[in-house]
PDB file of all heavy atoms in Angstrom:
ATOM      1  N   CYS A   1      40.129 149.389 103.523  1.00  0.00           N
ATOM      2  CA  CYS A   1      41.177 150.411 103.589  1.00  0.00           C
ATOM      3  C   CYS A   1      41.499 151.021 102.230  1.00  0.00           C
ATOM      4  O   CYS A   1      41.947 152.142 102.157  1.00  0.00           O
ATOM      5  CB  CYS A   1      42.440 149.832 104.207  1.00  0.00           C
ATOM      6  SG  CYS A   1      43.284 148.645 103.148  1.00  0.00           S
ATOM      7  N   CYS A   2      41.256 150.319 101.170  1.00  0.00           N
ATOM      8  CA  CYS A   2      41.660 150.815  99.852  1.00  0.00           C
ATOM      9  C   CYS A   2      40.553 150.746  98.807  1.00  0.00           C
ATOM     10  O   CYS A   2      40.825 150.864  97.611  1.00  0.00           O
ATOM     11  CB  CYS A   2      42.857 150.024  99.345  1.00  0.00           C
ATOM     12  SG  CYS A   2      44.277 150.119 100.449  1.00  0.00           S
ATOM     13  N   ARG A   3      39.316 150.553  99.214  1.00  0.00           N
ATOM     14  CA  ARG A   3      38.217 150.458  98.255  1.00  0.00           C
ATOM     15  C   ARG A   3      37.047 151.312  98.715  1.00  0.00           C
ATOM     16  O   ARG A   3      36.803 151.456  99.902  1.00  0.00           O
ATOM     17  CB  ARG A   3      37.739 149.009  98.108  1.00  0.00           C
ATOM     18  CG  ARG A   3      38.751 148.097  97.460  1.00  0.00           C
ATOM     19  CD  ARG A   3      38.252 146.670  97.285  1.00  0.00           C
ATOM     20  NE  ARG A   3      37.344 146.290  98.351  1.00  0.00           N
ATOM     21  CZ  ARG A   3      36.144 145.730  98.162  1.00  0.00           C
ATOM     22  NH1 ARG A   3      35.708 145.461  96.975  1.00  0.00           N
ATOM     23  NH2 ARG A   3      35.369 145.421  99.173  1.00  0.00           N
ATOM     24  N   GLY A   4      36.330 151.843  97.741  1.00  0.00           N
ATOM     25  CA  GLY A   4      35.151 152.640  98.052  1.00  0.00           C
ATOM     26  C   GLY A   4      34.065 152.397  97.026  1.00  0.00           C
ATOM     27  O   GLY A   4      34.328 151.955  95.909  1.00  0.00           O
ATOM     28  N   THR A   5      32.833 152.690  97.421  1.00  0.00           N
ATOM     29  CA  THR A   5      31.674 152.558  96.542  1.00  0.00           C
ATOM     30  C   THR A   5      30.806 153.786  96.732  1.00  0.00           C
ATOM     31  O   THR A   5      30.641 154.272  97.845  1.00  0.00           O
ATOM     32  CB  THR A   5      30.858 151.297  96.892  1.00  0.00           C
ATOM     33  OG1 THR A   5      31.676 150.145  96.692  1.00  0.00           O
ATOM     34  CG2 THR A   5      29.620 151.177  96.033  1.00  0.00           C
ATOM     35  N   SER A   6      30.277 154.296  95.632  1.00  0.00           N
ATOM     36  CA  SER A   6      29.314 155.378  95.741  1.00  0.00           C
ATOM     37  C   SER A   6      28.041 154.992  95.014  1.00  0.00           C
ATOM     38  O   SER A   6      28.071 154.268  94.016  1.00  0.00           O
ATOM     39  CB  SER A   6      29.867 156.686  95.173  1.00  0.00           C
ATOM     40  OG  SER A   6      30.023 156.594  93.773  1.00  0.00           O
ATOM     41  N   ILE A   7      26.929 155.462  95.551  1.00  0.00           N
ATOM     42  CA  ILE A   7      25.619 155.278  94.939  1.00  0.00           C
ATOM     43  C   ILE A   7      24.976 156.657  94.892  1.00  0.00           C
ATOM     44  O   ILE A   7      24.775 157.288  95.925  1.00  0.00           O
ATOM     45  CB  ILE A   7      24.748 154.299  95.747  1.00  0.00           C
ATOM     46  CG1 ILE A   7      25.435 152.942  95.841  1.00  0.00           C
ATOM     47  CG2 ILE A   7      23.360 154.180  95.113  1.00  0.00           C
ATOM     48  CD1 ILE A   7      24.768 151.982  96.805  1.00  0.00           C
ATOM     49  N   VAL A   8      24.712 157.121  93.675  1.00  0.00           N
ATOM     50  CA  VAL A   8      24.141 158.449  93.483  1.00  0.00           C
ATOM     51  C   VAL A   8      22.866 158.291  92.671  1.00  0.00           C
ATOM     52  O   VAL A   8      22.896 157.733  91.572  1.00  0.00           O
ATOM     53  CB  VAL A   8      25.130 159.379  92.765  1.00  0.00           C
ATOM     54  CG1 VAL A   8      24.542 160.772  92.617  1.00  0.00           C
ATOM     55  CG2 VAL A   8      26.458 159.437  93.520  1.00  0.00           C
ATOM     56  N   SER A   9      21.748 158.754  93.225  1.00  0.00           N
ATOM     57  CA  SER A   9      20.467 158.589  92.535  1.00  0.00           C
ATOM     58  C   SER A   9      20.068 159.857  91.795  1.00  0.00           C
ATOM     59  O   SER A   9      20.363 160.973  92.225  1.00  0.00           O
ATOM     60  CB  SER A   9      19.377 158.170  93.524  1.00  0.00           C
ATOM     61  OG  SER A   9      19.244 159.121  94.547  1.00  0.00           O
ATOM     62  N   PHE A  10      19.388 159.633  90.669  1.00  0.00           N
ATOM     63  CA  PHE A  10      18.929 160.705  89.794  1.00  0.00           C
ATOM     64  C   PHE A  10      17.478 160.462  89.426  1.00  0.00           C
ATOM     65  O   PHE A  10      16.997 159.330  89.454  1.00  0.00           O
ATOM     66  CB  PHE A  10      19.780 160.769  88.519  1.00  0.00           C
ATOM     67  CG  PHE A  10      21.194 161.203  88.773  1.00  0.00           C
ATOM     68  CD1 PHE A  10      22.185 160.282  89.065  1.00  0.00           C
ATOM     69  CD2 PHE A  10      21.530 162.541  88.741  1.00  0.00           C
ATOM     70  CE1 PHE A  10      23.485 160.674  89.313  1.00  0.00           C
ATOM     71  CE2 PHE A  10      22.828 162.962  88.985  1.00  0.00           C
ATOM     72  CZ  PHE A  10      23.814 162.029  89.267  1.00  0.00           C
ATOM     73  N   GLU A  11      16.793 161.527  89.027  1.00  0.00           N
ATOM     74  CA  GLU A  11      15.376 161.445  88.670  1.00  0.00           C
ATOM     75  C   GLU A  11      15.122 160.579  87.445  1.00  0.00           C
ATOM     76  O   GLU A  11      14.039 160.018  87.305  1.00  0.00           O
ATOM     77  CB  GLU A  11      14.820 162.842  88.421  1.00  0.00           C
ATOM     78  CG  GLU A  11      14.782 163.696  89.662  1.00  0.00           C
ATOM     79  CD  GLU A  11      14.390 165.138  89.380  1.00  0.00           C
ATOM     80  OE1 GLU A  11      14.282 165.514  88.191  1.00  0.00           O
ATOM     81  OE2 GLU A  11      14.200 165.879  90.348  1.00  0.00           O
ATOM     82  N   SER A  12      16.118 160.468  86.551  1.00  0.00           N
ATOM     83  CA  SER A  12      15.896 159.735  85.309  1.00  0.00           C
ATOM     84  C   SER A  12      17.167 159.026  84.869  1.00  0.00           C
ATOM     85  O   SER A  12      18.271 159.356  85.315  1.00  0.00           O
ATOM     86  CB  SER A  12      15.452 160.684  84.192  1.00  0.00           C
ATOM     87  OG  SER A  12      16.526 161.556  83.849  1.00  0.00           O
ATOM     88  N   GLU A  13      16.991 158.085  83.961  1.00  0.00           N
ATOM     89  CA  GLU A  13      18.140 157.387  83.385  1.00  0.00           C
ATOM     90  C   GLU A  13      19.007 158.366  82.591  1.00  0.00           C
ATOM     91  O   GLU A  13      20.227 158.282  82.604  1.00  0.00           O
ATOM     92  CB  GLU A  13      17.664 156.241  82.490  1.00  0.00           C
ATOM     93  CG  GLU A  13      18.796 155.412  81.928  1.00  0.00           C
ATOM     94  CD  GLU A  13      18.315 154.222  81.128  1.00  0.00           C
ATOM     95  OE1 GLU A  13      17.106 154.119  80.829  1.00  0.00           O
ATOM     96  OE2 GLU A  13      19.162 153.369  80.805  1.00  0.00           O
ATOM     97  N   GLY A  14      18.362 159.311  81.909  1.00  0.00           N
ATOM     98  CA  GLY A  14      19.103 160.304  81.139  1.00  0.00           C
ATOM     99  C   GLY A  14      20.005 161.154  82.003  1.00  0.00           C
ATOM    100  O   GLY A  14      21.153 161.436  81.641  1.00  0.00           O
ATOM    101  N   ALA A  15      19.498 161.583  83.151  1.00  0.00           N
ATOM    102  CA  ALA A  15      20.310 162.385  84.068  1.00  0.00           C
ATOM    103  C   ALA A  15      21.477 161.559  84.608  1.00  0.00           C
ATOM    104  O   ALA A  15      22.601 162.068  84.739  1.00  0.00           O
ATOM    105  CB  ALA A  15      19.452 162.914  85.213  1.00  0.00           C
ATOM    106  N   ALA A  16      21.225 160.292  84.915  1.00  0.00           N
ATOM    107  CA  ALA A  16      22.294 159.401  85.385  1.00  0.00           C
ATOM    108  C   ALA A  16      23.345 159.215  84.291  1.00  0.00           C
ATOM    109  O   ALA A  16      24.556 159.259  84.563  1.00  0.00           O
ATOM    110  CB  ALA A  16      21.715 158.058  85.812  1.00  0.00           C
ATOM    111  N   GLN A  17      22.906 159.032  83.058  1.00  0.00           N
ATOM    112  CA  GLN A  17      23.838 158.844  81.947  1.00  0.00           C
ATOM    113  C   GLN A  17      24.677 160.094  81.710  1.00  0.00           C
ATOM    114  O   GLN A  17      25.872 159.998  81.430  1.00  0.00           O
ATOM    115  CB  GLN A  17      23.088 158.470  80.665  1.00  0.00           C
ATOM    116  CG  GLN A  17      24.015 158.135  79.502  1.00  0.00           C
ATOM    117  CD  GLN A  17      24.883 156.923  79.799  1.00  0.00           C
ATOM    118  OE1 GLN A  17      24.380 155.849  80.117  1.00  0.00           O
ATOM    119  NE2 GLN A  17      26.196 157.085  79.695  1.00  0.00           N
ATOM    120  N   THR A  18      24.074 161.252  81.859  1.00  0.00           N
ATOM    121  CA  THR A  18      24.821 162.501  81.713  1.00  0.00           C
ATOM    122  C   THR A  18      25.953 162.562  82.733  1.00  0.00           C
ATOM    123  O   THR A  18      27.081 162.963  82.414  1.00  0.00           O
ATOM    124  CB  THR A  18      23.882 163.716  81.869  1.00  0.00           C
ATOM    125  OG1 THR A  18      22.917 163.666  80.819  1.00  0.00           O
ATOM    126  CG2 THR A  18      24.639 165.024  81.832  1.00  0.00           C
ATOM    127  N   MET A  19      25.678 162.149  83.971  1.00  0.00           N
ATOM    128  CA  MET A  19      26.717 162.147  85.007  1.00  0.00           C
ATOM    129  C   MET A  19      27.822 161.158  84.662  1.00  0.00           C
ATOM    130  O   MET A  19      29.011 161.469  84.793  1.00  0.00           O
ATOM    131  CB  MET A  19      26.116 161.845  86.377  1.00  0.00           C
ATOM    132  CG  MET A  19      27.145 161.860  87.493  1.00  0.00           C
ATOM    133  SD  MET A  19      28.193 163.346  87.594  1.00  0.00           S
ATOM    134  CE  MET A  19      26.978 164.611  87.836  1.00  0.00           C
ATOM    135  N   VAL A  20      27.455 159.973  84.210  1.00  0.00           N
ATOM    136  CA  VAL A  20      28.470 158.979  83.829  1.00  0.00           C
ATOM    137  C   VAL A  20      29.347 159.519  82.706  1.00  0.00           C
ATOM    138  O   VAL A  20      30.573 159.386  82.735  1.00  0.00           O
ATOM    139  CB  VAL A  20      27.810 157.634  83.435  1.00  0.00           C
ATOM    140  CG1 VAL A  20      28.820 156.704  82.779  1.00  0.00           C
ATOM    141  CG2 VAL A  20      27.199 156.969  84.654  1.00  0.00           C
ATOM    142  N   ASP A  21      28.732 160.139  81.724  1.00  0.00           N
ATOM    143  CA  ASP A  21      29.486 160.715  80.615  1.00  0.00           C
ATOM    144  C   ASP A  21      30.455 161.787  81.105  1.00  0.00           C
ATOM    145  O   ASP A  21      31.604 161.856  80.643  1.00  0.00           O
ATOM    146  CB  ASP A  21      28.541 161.303  79.565  1.00  0.00           C
ATOM    147  CG  ASP A  21      27.704 160.243  78.860  1.00  0.00           C
ATOM    148  OD1 ASP A  21      28.044 159.039  78.935  1.00  0.00           O
ATOM    149  OD2 ASP A  21      26.686 160.629  78.247  1.00  0.00           O
ATOM    150  N   MET A  22      30.018 162.618  82.056  1.00  0.00           N
ATOM    151  CA  MET A  22      30.889 163.652  82.618  1.00  0.00           C
ATOM    152  C   MET A  22      32.066 163.035  83.367  1.00  0.00           C
ATOM    153  O   MET A  22      33.204 163.496  83.250  1.00  0.00           O
ATOM    154  CB  MET A  22      30.101 164.570  83.543  1.00  0.00           C
ATOM    155  CG  MET A  22      29.168 165.515  82.831  1.00  0.00           C
ATOM    156  SD  MET A  22      28.141 166.502  83.957  1.00  0.00           S
ATOM    157  CE  MET A  22      29.373 167.262  85.002  1.00  0.00           C
ATOM    158  N   ILE A  23      31.794 161.978  84.132  1.00  0.00           N
ATOM    159  CA  ILE A  23      32.860 161.315  84.885  1.00  0.00           C
ATOM    160  C   ILE A  23      33.887 160.719  83.930  1.00  0.00           C
ATOM    161  O   ILE A  23      35.093 160.857  84.118  1.00  0.00           O
ATOM    162  CB  ILE A  23      32.274 160.230  85.813  1.00  0.00           C
ATOM    163  CG1 ILE A  23      31.464 160.885  86.931  1.00  0.00           C
ATOM    164  CG2 ILE A  23      33.386 159.346  86.378  1.00  0.00           C
ATOM    165  CD1 ILE A  23      30.605 159.912  87.720  1.00  0.00           C
ATOM    166  N   ARG A  24      33.422 160.046  82.905  1.00  0.00           N
ATOM    167  CA  ARG A  24      34.332 159.406  81.942  1.00  0.00           C
ATOM    168  C   ARG A  24      35.128 160.423  81.134  1.00  0.00           C
ATOM    169  O   ARG A  24      36.237 160.144  80.705  1.00  0.00           O
ATOM    170  CB  ARG A  24      33.548 158.484  81.024  1.00  0.00           C
ATOM    171  CG  ARG A  24      33.069 157.240  81.739  1.00  0.00           C
ATOM    172  CD  ARG A  24      32.378 156.282  80.810  1.00  0.00           C
ATOM    173  NE  ARG A  24      32.073 155.037  81.516  1.00  0.00           N
ATOM    174  CZ  ARG A  24      31.048 154.273  81.245  1.00  0.00           C
ATOM    175  NH1 ARG A  24      30.211 154.583  80.266  1.00  0.00           N
ATOM    176  NH2 ARG A  24      30.838 153.163  81.935  1.00  0.00           N
ATOM    177  N   ALA A  25      34.573 161.610  80.921  1.00  0.00           N
ATOM    178  CA  ALA A  25      35.244 162.636  80.126  1.00  0.00           C
ATOM    179  C   ALA A  25      36.253 163.450  80.930  1.00  0.00           C
ATOM    180  O   ALA A  25      37.093 164.131  80.348  1.00  0.00           O
ATOM    181  CB  ALA A  25      34.208 163.576  79.506  1.00  0.00           C
ATOM    182  N   ARG A  26      36.164 163.377  82.258  1.00  0.00           N
ATOM    183  CA  ARG A  26      37.071 164.171  83.104  1.00  0.00           C
ATOM    184  C   ARG A  26      38.504 163.713  82.924  1.00  0.00           C
ATOM    185  O   ARG A  26      38.785 162.526  82.991  1.00  0.00           O
ATOM    186  CB  ARG A  26      36.728 163.983  84.582  1.00  0.00           C
ATOM    187  CG  ARG A  26      35.651 164.865  85.091  1.00  0.00           C
ATOM    188  CD  ARG A  26      35.467 164.611  86.556  1.00  0.00           C
ATOM    189  NE  ARG A  26      36.524 165.282  87.303  1.00  0.00           N
ATOM    190  CZ  ARG A  26      36.314 166.036  88.359  1.00  0.00           C
ATOM    191  NH1 ARG A  26      35.106 166.172  88.826  1.00  0.00           N
ATOM    192  NH2 ARG A  26      37.291 166.631  88.959  1.00  0.00           N
ATOM    193  N   PRO A  27      39.400 164.645  82.739  1.00  0.00           N
ATOM    194  CA  PRO A  27      40.811 164.252  82.689  1.00  0.00           C
ATOM    195  C   PRO A  27      41.272 163.806  84.079  1.00  0.00           C
ATOM    196  O   PRO A  27      40.743 164.274  85.090  1.00  0.00           O
ATOM    197  CB  PRO A  27      41.523 165.533  82.265  1.00  0.00           C
ATOM    198  CG  PRO A  27      40.592 166.637  82.628  1.00  0.00           C
ATOM    199  CD  PRO A  27      39.202 166.065  82.574  1.00  0.00           C
ATOM    200  N   THR A  28      42.207 162.905  84.121  1.00  0.00           N
ATOM    201  CA  THR A  28      42.745 162.437  85.395  1.00  0.00           C
ATOM    202  C   THR A  28      43.616 163.536  85.991  1.00  0.00           C
ATOM    203  O   THR A  28      44.611 163.942  85.403  1.00  0.00           O
ATOM    204  CB  THR A  28      43.577 161.153  85.193  1.00  0.00           C
ATOM    205  OG1 THR A  28      42.744 160.170  84.597  1.00  0.00           O
ATOM    206  CG2 THR A  28      44.107 160.635  86.508  1.00  0.00           C
ATOM    207  N   VAL A  29      43.200 164.036  87.148  1.00  0.00           N
ATOM    208  CA  VAL A  29      43.934 165.113  87.814  1.00  0.00           C
ATOM    209  C   VAL A  29      45.129 164.545  88.566  1.00  0.00           C
ATOM    210  O   VAL A  29      46.212 165.100  88.558  1.00  0.00           O
ATOM    211  CB  VAL A  29      43.001 165.885  88.783  1.00  0.00           C
ATOM    212  CG1 VAL A  29      43.770 166.916  89.574  1.00  0.00           C
ATOM    213  CG2 VAL A  29      41.866 166.514  88.005  1.00  0.00           C
ATOM    214  N   ASP A  30      44.920 163.439  89.222  1.00  0.00           N
ATOM    215  CA  ASP A  30      45.982 162.753  89.953  1.00  0.00           C
ATOM    216  C   ASP A  30      45.598 161.281  90.035  1.00  0.00           C
ATOM    217  O   ASP A  30      44.566 160.877  89.525  1.00  0.00           O
ATOM    218  CB  ASP A  30      46.187 163.362  91.338  1.00  0.00           C
ATOM    219  CG  ASP A  30      44.928 163.327  92.185  1.00  0.00           C
ATOM    220  OD1 ASP A  30      44.232 162.286  92.204  1.00  0.00           O
ATOM    221  OD2 ASP A  30      44.618 164.331  92.840  1.00  0.00           O
ATOM    222  N   ASP A  31      46.431 160.489  90.657  1.00  0.00           N
ATOM    223  CA  ASP A  31      46.136 159.058  90.744  1.00  0.00           C
ATOM    224  C   ASP A  31      45.689 158.660  92.144  1.00  0.00           C
ATOM    225  O   ASP A  31      45.862 157.526  92.560  1.00  0.00           O
ATOM    226  CB  ASP A  31      47.332 158.229  90.285  1.00  0.00           C
ATOM    227  CG  ASP A  31      48.577 158.471  91.128  1.00  0.00           C
ATOM    228  OD1 ASP A  31      48.556 159.354  92.007  1.00  0.00           O
ATOM    229  OD2 ASP A  31      49.576 157.761  90.910  1.00  0.00           O
ATOM    230  N   SER A  32      45.070 159.600  92.882  1.00  0.00           N
ATOM    231  CA  SER A  32      44.641 159.306  94.254  1.00  0.00           C
ATOM    232  C   SER A  32      43.518 158.270  94.293  1.00  0.00           C
ATOM    233  O   SER A  32      43.415 157.505  95.250  1.00  0.00           O
ATOM    234  CB  SER A  32      44.217 160.585  94.975  1.00  0.00           C
ATOM    235  OG  SER A  32      43.124 161.194  94.315  1.00  0.00           O
ATOM    236  N   VAL A  33      42.677 158.256  93.258  1.00  0.00           N
ATOM    237  CA  VAL A  33      41.570 157.310  93.183  1.00  0.00           C
ATOM    238  C   VAL A  33      41.475 156.789  91.751  1.00  0.00           C
ATOM    239  O   VAL A  33      41.554 157.566  90.799  1.00  0.00           O
ATOM    240  CB  VAL A  33      40.232 157.967  93.588  1.00  0.00           C
ATOM    241  CG1 VAL A  33      39.062 157.017  93.390  1.00  0.00           C
ATOM    242  CG2 VAL A  33      40.287 158.450  95.030  1.00  0.00           C
ATOM    243  N   THR A  34      41.298 155.475  91.617  1.00  0.00           N
ATOM    244  CA  THR A  34      41.128 154.849  90.311  1.00  0.00           C
ATOM    245  C   THR A  34      39.714 154.304  90.227  1.00  0.00           C
ATOM    246  O   THR A  34      39.279 153.564  91.116  1.00  0.00           O
ATOM    247  CB  THR A  34      42.131 153.682  90.131  1.00  0.00           C
ATOM    248  OG1 THR A  34      43.450 154.188  90.313  1.00  0.00           O
ATOM    249  CG2 THR A  34      41.990 153.051  88.754  1.00  0.00           C
ATOM    250  N   ILE A  35      38.982 154.668  89.179  1.00  0.00           N
ATOM    251  CA  ILE A  35      37.638 154.121  88.978  1.00  0.00           C
ATOM    252  C   ILE A  35      37.770 152.710  88.430  1.00  0.00           C
ATOM    253  O   ILE A  35      38.374 152.498  87.379  1.00  0.00           O
ATOM    254  CB  ILE A  35      36.810 154.994  88.028  1.00  0.00           C
ATOM    255  CG1 ILE A  35      36.579 156.375  88.651  1.00  0.00           C
ATOM    256  CG2 ILE A  35      35.478 154.316  87.696  1.00  0.00           C
ATOM    257  CD1 ILE A  35      35.881 157.360  87.743  1.00  0.00           C
ATOM    258  N   ASP A  36      37.207 151.746  89.152  1.00  0.00           N
ATOM    259  CA  ASP A  36      37.239 150.349  88.724  1.00  0.00           C
ATOM    260  C   ASP A  36      36.026 150.017  87.857  1.00  0.00           C
ATOM    261  O   ASP A  36      36.164 149.423  86.796  1.00  0.00           O
ATOM    262  CB  ASP A  36      37.288 149.412  89.939  1.00  0.00           C
ATOM    263  CG  ASP A  36      38.529 149.648  90.782  1.00  0.00           C
ATOM    264  OD1 ASP A  36      39.606 149.919  90.211  1.00  0.00           O
ATOM    265  OD2 ASP A  36      38.417 149.578  92.018  1.00  0.00           O
ATOM    266  N   THR A  37      34.832 150.383  88.328  1.00  0.00           N
ATOM    267  CA  THR A  37      33.608 150.149  87.569  1.00  0.00           C
ATOM    268  C   THR A  37      32.660 151.307  87.787  1.00  0.00           C
ATOM    269  O   THR A  37      32.667 151.957  88.838  1.00  0.00           O
ATOM    270  CB  THR A  37      32.886 148.847  87.993  1.00  0.00           C
ATOM    271  OG1 THR A  37      32.500 148.946  89.360  1.00  0.00           O
ATOM    272  CG2 THR A  37      33.757 147.625  87.790  1.00  0.00           C
ATOM    273  N   ILE A  38      31.829 151.544  86.776  1.00  0.00           N
ATOM    274  CA  ILE A  38      30.773 152.553  86.898  1.00  0.00           C
ATOM    275  C   ILE A  38      29.599 152.056  86.075  1.00  0.00           C
ATOM    276  O   ILE A  38      29.744 151.693  84.922  1.00  0.00           O
ATOM    277  CB  ILE A  38      31.264 153.950  86.455  1.00  0.00           C
ATOM    278  CG1 ILE A  38      30.207 155.010  86.740  1.00  0.00           C
ATOM    279  CG2 ILE A  38      31.730 153.965  85.012  1.00  0.00           C
ATOM    280  CD1 ILE A  38      30.709 156.433  86.649  1.00  0.00           C
ATOM    281  N   GLU A  39      28.434 151.967  86.734  1.00  0.00           N
ATOM    282  CA  GLU A  39      27.258 151.403  86.097  1.00  0.00           C
ATOM    283  C   GLU A  39      26.025 152.227  86.457  1.00  0.00           C
ATOM    284  O   GLU A  39      25.984 152.883  87.487  1.00  0.00           O
ATOM    285  CB  GLU A  39      27.020 149.969  86.577  1.00  0.00           C
ATOM    286  CG  GLU A  39      28.157 149.018  86.290  1.00  0.00           C
ATOM    287  CD  GLU A  39      27.894 147.644  86.877  1.00  0.00           C
ATOM    288  OE1 GLU A  39      27.932 147.521  88.116  1.00  0.00           O
ATOM    289  OE2 GLU A  39      27.643 146.721  86.094  1.00  0.00           O
ATOM    290  N   ILE A  40      25.019 152.119  85.598  1.00  0.00           N
ATOM    291  CA  ILE A  40      23.723 152.735  85.862  1.00  0.00           C
ATOM    292  C   ILE A  40      22.702 151.623  86.034  1.00  0.00           C
ATOM    293  O   ILE A  40      22.700 150.648  85.276  1.00  0.00           O
ATOM    294  CB  ILE A  40      23.279 153.630  84.686  1.00  0.00           C
ATOM    295  CG1 ILE A  40      24.264 154.790  84.503  1.00  0.00           C
ATOM    296  CG2 ILE A  40      21.858 154.150  84.897  1.00  0.00           C
ATOM    297  CD1 ILE A  40      24.006 155.592  83.259  1.00  0.00           C
ATOM    298  N   GLY A  41      21.856 151.775  87.042  1.00  0.00           N
ATOM    299  CA  GLY A  41      20.795 150.793  87.263  1.00  0.00           C
ATOM    300  C   GLY A  41      19.513 151.467  87.691  1.00  0.00           C
ATOM    301  O   GLY A  41      19.533 152.565  88.257  1.00  0.00           O
TER     302      GLY A  41
END
């Protein structure tokens, strides 16, 4: 009810890292969702 997981695939580690960097740089718009962990594998 209160937890979610996303898995997003990219062609390369660099493309995945770019997305992570964008997510971390985004200002918090509201507190509707809190990121607990974000990893690349």
